[in-house]
Amino acid sequence: MLQTFFIPEVTKLHKFRSIIFQQDGAPPHFSIDVRQYLDNHFPDRWIGRGGSIRWGPRSPDLTPLDFFLWAH
């Protein structure tokens, strides 16, 4: 999803270099390959476990879609 859709579309934006990517809490999204991919496309600009911007692991702000879409 990131490679085929999100990255190609978001790089077209004028302010791409100021975008901060926020990773969700799914365990597969923390593999070394995913973290390296995010480091390459969002250097020092992504939030998540192992990311350059630290955020509390159980913070309700970390995964707002979990609370909005799934009502958790």
C-alpha atoms as a PDB file:
ATOM      1  CA  MET A   1       0.000   0.000   0.000  1.00  0.00           C
ATOM      2  CA  LEU A   2       2.769   2.441   0.888  1.00  0.00           C
ATOM      3  CA  GLN A   3       4.876   1.623  -2.174  1.00  0.00           C
ATOM      4  CA  THR A   4       2.096   1.316  -4.721  1.00  0.00           C
ATOM      5  CA  PHE A   5      -0.267   4.088  -3.690  1.00  0.00           C
ATOM      6  CA  PHE A   6       0.583   6.325  -0.753  1.00  0.00           C
ATOM      7  CA  ILE A   7       4.190   7.327  -1.490  1.00  0.00           C
ATOM      8  CA  PRO A   8       3.612   8.060  -5.211  1.00  0.00           C
ATOM      9  CA  GLU A   9       0.598  10.238  -4.372  1.00  0.00           C
ATOM     10  CA  VAL A  10       2.000  12.059  -1.365  1.00  0.00           C
ATOM     11  CA  THR A  11       5.266  12.934  -3.148  1.00  0.00           C
ATOM     12  CA  LYS A  12       3.215  14.973  -5.623  1.00  0.00           C
ATOM     13  CA  LEU A  13       2.237  17.365  -2.844  1.00  0.00           C
ATOM     14  CA  HIS A  14       3.975  20.711  -2.698  1.00  0.00           C
ATOM     15  CA  LYS A  15       4.769  20.356   1.012  1.00  0.00           C
ATOM     16  CA  PHE A  16       5.928  16.715   0.947  1.00  0.00           C
ATOM     17  CA  ARG A  17       9.189  17.512   2.762  1.00  0.00           C
ATOM     18  CA  SER A  18       7.248  18.849   5.762  1.00  0.00           C
ATOM     19  CA  ILE A  19       4.858  15.883   6.113  1.00  0.00           C
ATOM     20  CA  ILE A  20       5.205  13.746   9.230  1.00  0.00           C
ATOM     21  CA  PHE A  21       4.020  10.159   8.730  1.00  0.00           C
ATOM     22  CA  GLN A  22       2.252   8.492  11.660  1.00  0.00           C
ATOM     23  CA  GLN A  23       2.447   4.689  11.764  1.00  0.00           C
ATOM     24  CA  ASP A  24      -0.407   2.684  13.275  1.00  0.00           C
ATOM     25  CA  GLY A  25      -0.077   0.047  15.968  1.00  0.00           C
ATOM     26  CA  ALA A  26      -0.150  -3.129  13.850  1.00  0.00           C
ATOM     27  CA  PRO A  27       2.818  -5.415  14.699  1.00  0.00           C
ATOM     28  CA  PRO A  28       3.685  -6.202  11.028  1.00  0.00           C
ATOM     29  CA  HIS A  29       4.292  -2.492  10.476  1.00  0.00           C
ATOM     30  CA  PHE A  30       7.350  -2.586  12.739  1.00  0.00           C
ATOM     31  CA  SER A  31       9.504  -4.971  10.733  1.00  0.00           C
ATOM     32  CA  ILE A  32      13.011  -3.850   9.867  1.00  0.00           C
ATOM     33  CA  ASP A  33      12.063  -3.581   6.182  1.00  0.00           C
ATOM     34  CA  VAL A  34       9.151  -1.249   6.924  1.00  0.00           C
ATOM     35  CA  ARG A  35      11.216   0.917   9.264  1.00  0.00           C
ATOM     36  CA  GLN A  36      14.006   1.212   6.678  1.00  0.00           C
ATOM     37  CA  TYR A  37      11.459   2.113   4.004  1.00  0.00           C
ATOM     38  CA  LEU A  38      10.002   4.852   6.201  1.00  0.00           C
ATOM     39  CA  ASP A  39      13.488   6.097   7.088  1.00  0.00           C
ATOM     40  CA  ASN A  40      14.244   6.427   3.365  1.00  0.00           C
ATOM     41  CA  HIS A  41      11.036   8.250   2.453  1.00  0.00           C
ATOM     42  CA  PHE A  42      10.393  10.173   5.676  1.00  0.00           C
ATOM     43  CA  PRO A  43      13.863  10.733   7.183  1.00  0.00           C
ATOM     44  CA  ASP A  44      13.416  11.960  10.773  1.00  0.00           C
ATOM     45  CA  ARG A  45       9.722  12.536  10.014  1.00  0.00           C
ATOM     46  CA  TRP A  46       7.764   9.468  11.079  1.00  0.00           C
ATOM     47  CA  ILE A  47       6.052   8.534  14.325  1.00  0.00           C
ATOM     48  CA  GLY A  48       5.887   4.960  15.556  1.00  0.00           C
ATOM     49  CA  ARG A  49       7.753   2.247  17.425  1.00  0.00           C
ATOM     50  CA  GLY A  50      11.357   2.441  16.268  1.00  0.00           C
ATOM     51  CA  GLY A  51      10.722   5.735  14.502  1.00  0.00           C
ATOM     52  CA  SER A  52      12.691   8.926  14.746  1.00  0.00           C
ATOM     53  CA  ILE A  53       9.864  10.717  16.574  1.00  0.00           C
ATOM     54  CA  ARG A  54       9.033   8.963  19.836  1.00  0.00           C
ATOM     55  CA  TRP A  55       5.438   8.610  21.005  1.00  0.00           C
ATOM     56  CA  GLY A  56       3.968   6.729  23.951  1.00  0.00           C
ATOM     57  CA  PRO A  57       3.135   3.089  23.084  1.00  0.00           C
ATOM     58  CA  ARG A  58      -0.354   3.280  24.595  1.00  0.00           C
ATOM     59  CA  SER A  59      -1.122   6.883  23.792  1.00  0.00           C
ATOM     60  CA  PRO A  60      -4.687   7.356  22.519  1.00  0.00           C
ATOM     61  CA  ASP A  61      -3.281   9.959  20.132  1.00  0.00           C
ATOM     62  CA  LEU A  62      -1.048   7.396  18.437  1.00  0.00           C
ATOM     63  CA  THR A  63      -3.817   5.587  16.597  1.00  0.00           C
ATOM     64  CA  PRO A  64      -6.792   7.940  16.224  1.00  0.00           C
ATOM     65  CA  LEU A  65      -8.343   5.728  13.531  1.00  0.00           C
ATOM     66  CA  ASP A  66      -8.581   2.876  16.018  1.00  0.00           C
ATOM     67  CA  PHE A  67     -10.873   5.043  18.113  1.00  0.00           C
ATOM     68  CA  PHE A  68     -12.744   6.766  15.297  1.00  0.00           C
ATOM     69  CA  LEU A  69     -13.372   3.875  12.899  1.00  0.00           C
ATOM     70  CA  TRP A  70     -13.439   0.909  15.247  1.00  0.00           C
ATOM     71  CA  ALA A  71     -14.830   2.610  18.374  1.00  0.00           C
ATOM     72  CA  HIS A  72     -12.218   1.181  20.762  1.00  0.00           C
END
